[in-house]
């Protein structure tokens, strides 16, 4: 079984990384990703 990479799937569909927020990551870790921050 392969682990799904949902964020990469969204990027592949044309959604900018800045529009993707990792809600399951603590807010203090989000600035260290290549994705959006909320």
PDB file of N, CA and C in Angstrom:
ATOM      1  N   UNK A   1       0.841  -1.183   0.000  1.00  0.00           N
ATOM      2  CA  UNK A   1       0.000   0.000   0.000  1.00  0.00           C
ATOM      3  C   UNK A   1       0.886   1.247   0.000  1.00  0.00           C
ATOM      4  N   UNK A   2       0.573   2.186  -0.850  1.00  0.00           N
ATOM      5  CA  UNK A   2       1.331   3.429  -0.955  1.00  0.00           C
ATOM      6  C   UNK A   2       0.603   4.529  -0.201  1.00  0.00           C
ATOM      7  N   UNK A   3       1.366   5.296   0.551  1.00  0.00           N
ATOM      8  CA  UNK A   3       0.777   6.411   1.298  1.00  0.00           C
ATOM      9  C   UNK A   3       0.437   7.542   0.331  1.00  0.00           C
ATOM     10  N   UNK A   4      -0.764   8.056   0.426  1.00  0.00           N
ATOM     11  CA  UNK A   4      -1.209   9.129  -0.455  1.00  0.00           C
ATOM     12  C   UNK A   4      -0.556  10.450  -0.062  1.00  0.00           C
ATOM     13  N   UNK A   5      -0.167  11.220  -1.045  1.00  0.00           N
ATOM     14  CA  UNK A   5       0.381  12.555  -0.818  1.00  0.00           C
ATOM     15  C   UNK A   5      -0.649  13.557  -1.327  1.00  0.00           C
ATOM     16  N   UNK A   6      -1.619  13.836  -0.486  1.00  0.00           N
ATOM     17  CA  UNK A   6      -2.741  14.682  -0.869  1.00  0.00           C
ATOM     18  C   UNK A   6      -2.289  16.070  -1.304  1.00  0.00           C
ATOM     19  N   UNK A   7      -1.345  16.645  -0.586  1.00  0.00           N
ATOM     20  CA  UNK A   7      -0.873  17.987  -0.942  1.00  0.00           C
ATOM     21  C   UNK A   7      -0.262  17.988  -2.342  1.00  0.00           C
ATOM     22  N   UNK A   8       0.530  16.986  -2.661  1.00  0.00           N
ATOM     23  CA  UNK A   8       1.139  16.923  -3.991  1.00  0.00           C
ATOM     24  C   UNK A   8       0.080  16.696  -5.060  1.00  0.00           C
ATOM     25  N   UNK A   9      -0.933  15.907  -4.754  1.00  0.00           N
ATOM     26  CA  UNK A   9      -2.038  15.709  -5.701  1.00  0.00           C
ATOM     27  C   UNK A   9      -2.719  17.040  -6.016  1.00  0.00           C
ATOM     28  N   UNK A  10      -2.912  17.877  -4.997  1.00  0.00           N
ATOM     29  CA  UNK A  10      -3.532  19.188  -5.205  1.00  0.00           C
ATOM     30  C   UNK A  10      -2.644  20.085  -6.064  1.00  0.00           C
ATOM     31  N   UNK A  11      -1.346  20.060  -5.806  1.00  0.00           N
ATOM     32  CA  UNK A  11      -0.402  20.850  -6.606  1.00  0.00           C
ATOM     33  C   UNK A  11      -0.431  20.366  -8.057  1.00  0.00           C
ATOM     34  N   UNK A  12      -0.464  19.052  -8.243  1.00  0.00           N
ATOM     35  CA  UNK A  12      -0.516  18.492  -9.594  1.00  0.00           C
ATOM     36  C   UNK A  12      -1.789  18.905 -10.335  1.00  0.00           C
ATOM     37  N   UNK A  13      -2.849  19.202  -9.593  1.00  0.00           N
ATOM     38  CA  UNK A  13      -4.109  19.635 -10.202  1.00  0.00           C
ATOM     39  C   UNK A  13      -4.118  21.139 -10.472  1.00  0.00           C
ATOM     40  N   UNK A  14      -3.023  21.833 -10.119  1.00  0.00           N
ATOM     41  CA  UNK A  14      -2.906  23.247 -10.427  1.00  0.00           C
ATOM     42  C   UNK A  14      -3.166  24.193  -9.270  1.00  0.00           C
ATOM     43  N   UNK A  15      -3.359  23.671  -8.072  1.00  0.00           N
ATOM     44  CA  UNK A  15      -3.598  24.532  -6.912  1.00  0.00           C
ATOM     45  C   UNK A  15      -2.247  25.009  -6.375  1.00  0.00           C
ATOM     46  N   UNK A  16      -2.051  26.312  -6.231  1.00  0.00           N
ATOM     47  CA  UNK A  16      -0.773  26.829  -5.726  1.00  0.00           C
ATOM     48  C   UNK A  16      -0.501  26.358  -4.294  1.00  0.00           C
ATOM     49  N   UNK A  17       0.774  26.099  -4.006  1.00  0.00           N
ATOM     50  CA  UNK A  17       1.146  25.664  -2.652  1.00  0.00           C
ATOM     51  C   UNK A  17       0.722  26.681  -1.601  1.00  0.00           C
ATOM     52  N   UNK A  18       0.734  27.954  -1.950  1.00  0.00           N
ATOM     53  CA  UNK A  18       0.354  29.001  -0.997  1.00  0.00           C
ATOM     54  C   UNK A  18      -1.110  28.897  -0.586  1.00  0.00           C
ATOM     55  N   UNK A  19      -1.920  28.210  -1.393  1.00  0.00           N
ATOM     56  CA  UNK A  19      -3.344  28.047  -1.086  1.00  0.00           C
ATOM     57  C   UNK A  19      -3.640  26.770  -0.306  1.00  0.00           C
ATOM     58  N   UNK A  20      -2.621  25.954  -0.073  1.00  0.00           N
ATOM     59  CA  UNK A  20      -2.797  24.689   0.646  1.00  0.00           C
ATOM     60  C   UNK A  20      -2.306  24.878   2.077  1.00  0.00           C
ATOM     61  N   UNK A  21      -3.174  24.619   3.048  1.00  0.00           N
ATOM     62  CA  UNK A  21      -2.838  24.780   4.468  1.00  0.00           C
ATOM     63  C   UNK A  21      -2.845  23.404   5.122  1.00  0.00           C
ATOM     64  N   UNK A  22      -1.781  23.061   5.816  1.00  0.00           N
ATOM     65  CA  UNK A  22      -1.726  21.806   6.557  1.00  0.00           C
ATOM     66  C   UNK A  22      -2.395  22.008   7.910  1.00  0.00           C
ATOM     67  N   UNK A  23      -3.671  21.763   7.982  1.00  0.00           N
ATOM     68  CA  UNK A  23      -4.423  21.963   9.218  1.00  0.00           C
ATOM     69  C   UNK A  23      -4.056  20.992  10.320  1.00  0.00           C
ATOM     70  N   UNK A  24      -3.454  19.862   9.955  1.00  0.00           N
ATOM     71  CA  UNK A  24      -3.086  18.874  10.965  1.00  0.00           C
ATOM     72  C   UNK A  24      -1.720  19.154  11.580  1.00  0.00           C
ATOM     73  N   UNK A  25      -0.972  20.067  10.974  1.00  0.00           N
ATOM     74  CA  UNK A  25       0.316  20.457  11.544  1.00  0.00           C
ATOM     75  C   UNK A  25       0.079  21.585  12.541  1.00  0.00           C
ATOM     76  N   UNK A  26       0.807  21.597  13.654  1.00  0.00           N
ATOM     77  CA  UNK A  26       0.676  22.713  14.597  1.00  0.00           C
ATOM     78  C   UNK A  26       1.026  24.030  13.897  1.00  0.00           C
ATOM     79  N   UNK A  27       0.357  25.093  14.285  1.00  0.00           N
ATOM     80  CA  UNK A  27       0.550  26.379  13.608  1.00  0.00           C
ATOM     81  C   UNK A  27       1.997  26.869  13.669  1.00  0.00           C
ATOM     82  N   UNK A  28       2.742  26.503  14.706  1.00  0.00           N
ATOM     83  CA  UNK A  28       4.130  26.963  14.796  1.00  0.00           C
ATOM     84  C   UNK A  28       5.042  26.240  13.804  1.00  0.00           C
ATOM     85  N   UNK A  29       4.617  25.107  13.245  1.00  0.00           N
ATOM     86  CA  UNK A  29       5.425  24.385  12.259  1.00  0.00           C
ATOM     87  C   UNK A  29       5.091  24.776  10.825  1.00  0.00           C
ATOM     88  N   UNK A  30       3.938  25.354  10.603  1.00  0.00           N
ATOM     89  CA  UNK A  30       3.483  25.645   9.238  1.00  0.00           C
ATOM     90  C   UNK A  30       4.396  26.592   8.468  1.00  0.00           C
ATOM     91  N   UNK A  31       4.998  27.603   9.112  1.00  0.00           N
ATOM     92  CA  UNK A  31       5.883  28.489   8.337  1.00  0.00           C
ATOM     93  C   UNK A  31       7.099  27.769   7.749  1.00  0.00           C
ATOM     94  N   UNK A  32       7.425  26.596   8.254  1.00  0.00           N
ATOM     95  CA  UNK A  32       8.604  25.870   7.794  1.00  0.00           C
ATOM     96  C   UNK A  32       8.296  24.911   6.649  1.00  0.00           C
ATOM     97  N   UNK A  33       7.058  24.900   6.175  1.00  0.00           N
ATOM     98  CA  UNK A  33       6.695  24.087   5.017  1.00  0.00           C
ATOM     99  C   UNK A  33       6.710  24.974   3.781  1.00  0.00           C
ATOM    100  N   UNK A  34       6.581  24.365   2.627  1.00  0.00           N
ATOM    101  CA  UNK A  34       6.501  25.129   1.376  1.00  0.00           C
ATOM    102  C   UNK A  34       5.066  25.520   1.063  1.00  0.00           C
ATOM    103  N   UNK A  35       4.168  25.320   2.022  1.00  0.00           N
ATOM    104  CA  UNK A  35       2.748  25.527   1.782  1.00  0.00           C
ATOM    105  C   UNK A  35       2.251  26.743   2.550  1.00  0.00           C
ATOM    106  N   UNK A  36       0.967  27.037   2.413  1.00  0.00           N
ATOM    107  CA  UNK A  36       0.378  28.217   3.029  1.00  0.00           C
ATOM    108  C   UNK A  36       0.384  28.163   4.548  1.00  0.00           C
ATOM    109  N   UNK A  37       0.194  29.322   5.151  1.00  0.00           N
ATOM    110  CA  UNK A  37       0.158  29.457   6.607  1.00  0.00           C
ATOM    111  C   UNK A  37      -1.138  30.156   6.980  1.00  0.00           C
ATOM    112  N   UNK A  38      -1.825  29.608   7.975  1.00  0.00           N
ATOM    113  CA  UNK A  38      -3.074  30.241   8.428  1.00  0.00           C
ATOM    114  C   UNK A  38      -2.993  30.527   9.910  1.00  0.00           C
TER     115      UNK A  38
END
